[in-house]
Amino acid sequence: LTVTLRGPLDPSTGLVMNLCTLKRILREQVLDKVDHRHLNLDVPEFASLNPTAENIAYTIWHWLKPSLSELLYEVQLHETEKNTAIYRGE
């Protein structure tokens, strides 16, 4: 999973967002929901949605959007070395 943010740099840190904050958001909003889970059985969003790489990237975007607001630019899900799904919002 690769999440890309874009926005103004904080003049004191040179970052768009504190990386510890981003890491916490990713853990709470994504990893805790899907890590070591059977997506179809354990994740309500995939009970009726086929968990393709495209649908997972789309769902992760919507999980992250409330916390990352206008900073969220792109979600990439790397399924294999040669297959990546990218979602950039609606």
C-alpha atoms as a PDB file:
ATOM      1  CA  LEU A   1       0.000   0.000   0.000  1.00  0.00           C
ATOM      2  CA  THR A   2       1.291   3.437  -0.950  1.00  0.00           C
ATOM      3  CA  VAL A   3      -0.577   6.562   0.125  1.00  0.00           C
ATOM      4  CA  THR A   4       0.363   9.883  -1.467  1.00  0.00           C
ATOM      5  CA  LEU A   5      -0.446  13.204   0.141  1.00  0.00           C
ATOM      6  CA  ARG A   6      -0.141  16.649  -1.362  1.00  0.00           C
ATOM      7  CA  GLY A   7      -0.517  20.044   0.143  1.00  0.00           C
ATOM      8  CA  PRO A   8       1.391  22.955   1.589  1.00  0.00           C
ATOM      9  CA  LEU A   9       4.582  22.246   3.494  1.00  0.00           C
ATOM     10  CA  ASP A  10       4.730  23.103   7.166  1.00  0.00           C
ATOM     11  CA  PRO A  11       7.510  25.736   7.285  1.00  0.00           C
ATOM     12  CA  SER A  12       8.933  24.389  10.545  1.00  0.00           C
ATOM     13  CA  THR A  13       9.111  20.713   9.510  1.00  0.00           C
ATOM     14  CA  GLY A  14       9.202  20.780   5.715  1.00  0.00           C
ATOM     15  CA  LEU A  15       6.510  18.071   5.708  1.00  0.00           C
ATOM     16  CA  VAL A  16       2.956  17.996   4.412  1.00  0.00           C
ATOM     17  CA  MET A  17       1.997  15.915   7.476  1.00  0.00           C
ATOM     18  CA  ASN A  18       3.839  14.553  10.471  1.00  0.00           C
ATOM     19  CA  LEU A  19       4.830  10.984   9.556  1.00  0.00           C
ATOM     20  CA  CYS A  20       3.965   9.641  13.014  1.00  0.00           C
ATOM     21  CA  THR A  21       0.447  11.020  12.583  1.00  0.00           C
ATOM     22  CA  LEU A  22       0.146   9.500   9.116  1.00  0.00           C
ATOM     23  CA  LYS A  23       1.400   6.154  10.386  1.00  0.00           C
ATOM     24  CA  ARG A  24      -1.185   6.171  13.200  1.00  0.00           C
ATOM     25  CA  ILE A  25      -4.008   7.015  10.769  1.00  0.00           C
ATOM     26  CA  LEU A  26      -2.957   4.222   8.400  1.00  0.00           C
ATOM     27  CA  ARG A  27      -2.800   1.729  11.254  1.00  0.00           C
ATOM     28  CA  GLU A  28      -6.182   2.714  12.722  1.00  0.00           C
ATOM     29  CA  GLN A  29      -8.089   3.266   9.480  1.00  0.00           C
ATOM     30  CA  VAL A  30      -6.622   0.511   7.304  1.00  0.00           C
ATOM     31  CA  LEU A  31      -4.247  -2.019   8.839  1.00  0.00           C
ATOM     32  CA  ASP A  32      -6.314  -2.780  11.927  1.00  0.00           C
ATOM     33  CA  LYS A  33      -9.272  -3.516   9.636  1.00  0.00           C
ATOM     34  CA  VAL A  34      -7.586  -5.767   7.057  1.00  0.00           C
ATOM     35  CA  ASP A  35      -4.335  -7.199   8.399  1.00  0.00           C
ATOM     36  CA  HIS A  36      -4.621 -10.977   8.841  1.00  0.00           C
ATOM     37  CA  ARG A  37      -8.333 -10.873   8.020  1.00  0.00           C
ATOM     38  CA  HIS A  38     -10.467 -12.781   5.565  1.00  0.00           C
ATOM     39  CA  LEU A  39     -11.727  -9.797   3.607  1.00  0.00           C
ATOM     40  CA  ASN A  40     -15.029 -11.355   2.526  1.00  0.00           C
ATOM     41  CA  LEU A  41     -15.922 -12.588   5.999  1.00  0.00           C
ATOM     42  CA  ASP A  42     -14.269 -10.170   8.425  1.00  0.00           C
ATOM     43  CA  VAL A  43     -14.504  -6.787   6.682  1.00  0.00           C
ATOM     44  CA  PRO A  44     -18.099  -5.555   6.318  1.00  0.00           C
ATOM     45  CA  GLU A  45     -17.340  -3.466   3.206  1.00  0.00           C
ATOM     46  CA  PHE A  46     -16.353  -6.626   1.320  1.00  0.00           C
ATOM     47  CA  ALA A  47     -19.286  -8.797   2.342  1.00  0.00           C
ATOM     48  CA  SER A  48     -20.993  -7.802  -0.914  1.00  0.00           C
ATOM     49  CA  LEU A  49     -18.087  -6.195  -2.797  1.00  0.00           C
ATOM     50  CA  ASN A  50     -15.515  -8.355  -4.572  1.00  0.00           C
ATOM     51  CA  PRO A  51     -12.136  -7.515  -2.951  1.00  0.00           C
ATOM     52  CA  THR A  52     -10.220  -6.905  -6.156  1.00  0.00           C
ATOM     53  CA  ALA A  53      -7.167  -4.662  -5.938  1.00  0.00           C
ATOM     54  CA  GLU A  54      -9.240  -1.901  -7.527  1.00  0.00           C
ATOM     55  CA  ASN A  55     -12.068  -2.220  -5.007  1.00  0.00           C
ATOM     56  CA  ILE A  56      -9.654  -2.421  -2.084  1.00  0.00           C
ATOM     57  CA  ALA A  57      -7.853   0.759  -3.212  1.00  0.00           C
ATOM     58  CA  TYR A  58     -11.235   2.487  -3.629  1.00  0.00           C
ATOM     59  CA  THR A  59     -12.358   1.387  -0.151  1.00  0.00           C
ATOM     60  CA  ILE A  60      -9.087   2.414   1.506  1.00  0.00           C
ATOM     61  CA  TRP A  61      -9.433   5.858  -0.081  1.00  0.00           C
ATOM     62  CA  HIS A  62     -12.858   6.249   1.525  1.00  0.00           C
ATOM     63  CA  TRP A  63     -11.581   5.036   4.891  1.00  0.00           C
ATOM     64  CA  LEU A  64      -8.737   7.581   4.812  1.00  0.00           C
ATOM     65  CA  LYS A  65     -10.536  10.578   3.327  1.00  0.00           C
ATOM     66  CA  PRO A  66     -12.226  11.750   6.568  1.00  0.00           C
ATOM     67  CA  SER A  67      -8.891  11.806   8.435  1.00  0.00           C
ATOM     68  CA  LEU A  68      -6.689  13.140   5.645  1.00  0.00           C
ATOM     69  CA  SER A  69      -9.186  15.514   4.057  1.00  0.00           C
ATOM     70  CA  GLU A  70      -7.753  17.563   1.186  1.00  0.00           C
ATOM     71  CA  LEU A  71      -4.240  16.172   1.710  1.00  0.00           C
ATOM     72  CA  LEU A  72      -5.129  12.727   0.323  1.00  0.00           C
ATOM     73  CA  TYR A  73      -4.052  12.547  -3.303  1.00  0.00           C
ATOM     74  CA  GLU A  74      -3.645   8.894  -4.225  1.00  0.00           C
ATOM     75  CA  VAL A  75      -3.945   5.347  -2.927  1.00  0.00           C
ATOM     76  CA  GLN A  76      -1.914   2.653  -4.664  1.00  0.00           C
ATOM     77  CA  LEU A  77      -2.365  -1.013  -3.868  1.00  0.00           C
ATOM     78  CA  HIS A  78       0.428  -3.229  -5.166  1.00  0.00           C
ATOM     79  CA  GLU A  79      -1.116  -6.647  -5.736  1.00  0.00           C
ATOM     80  CA  THR A  80       1.941  -8.136  -7.437  1.00  0.00           C
ATOM     81  CA  GLU A  81       5.198  -6.824  -8.824  1.00  0.00           C
ATOM     82  CA  LYS A  82       3.427  -6.092 -12.127  1.00  0.00           C
ATOM     83  CA  ASN A  83      -0.115  -5.295 -10.999  1.00  0.00           C
ATOM     84  CA  THR A  84      -0.998  -2.078  -9.160  1.00  0.00           C
ATOM     85  CA  ALA A  85      -4.385  -0.462  -8.649  1.00  0.00           C
ATOM     86  CA  ILE A  86      -4.438   3.325  -8.264  1.00  0.00           C
ATOM     87  CA  TYR A  87      -7.338   5.421  -7.014  1.00  0.00           C
ATOM     88  CA  ARG A  88      -7.338   9.223  -6.928  1.00  0.00           C
ATOM     89  CA  GLY A  89     -10.789  10.024  -5.691  1.00  0.00           C
ATOM     90  CA  GLU A  90     -13.974  10.963  -7.425  1.00  0.00           C
END
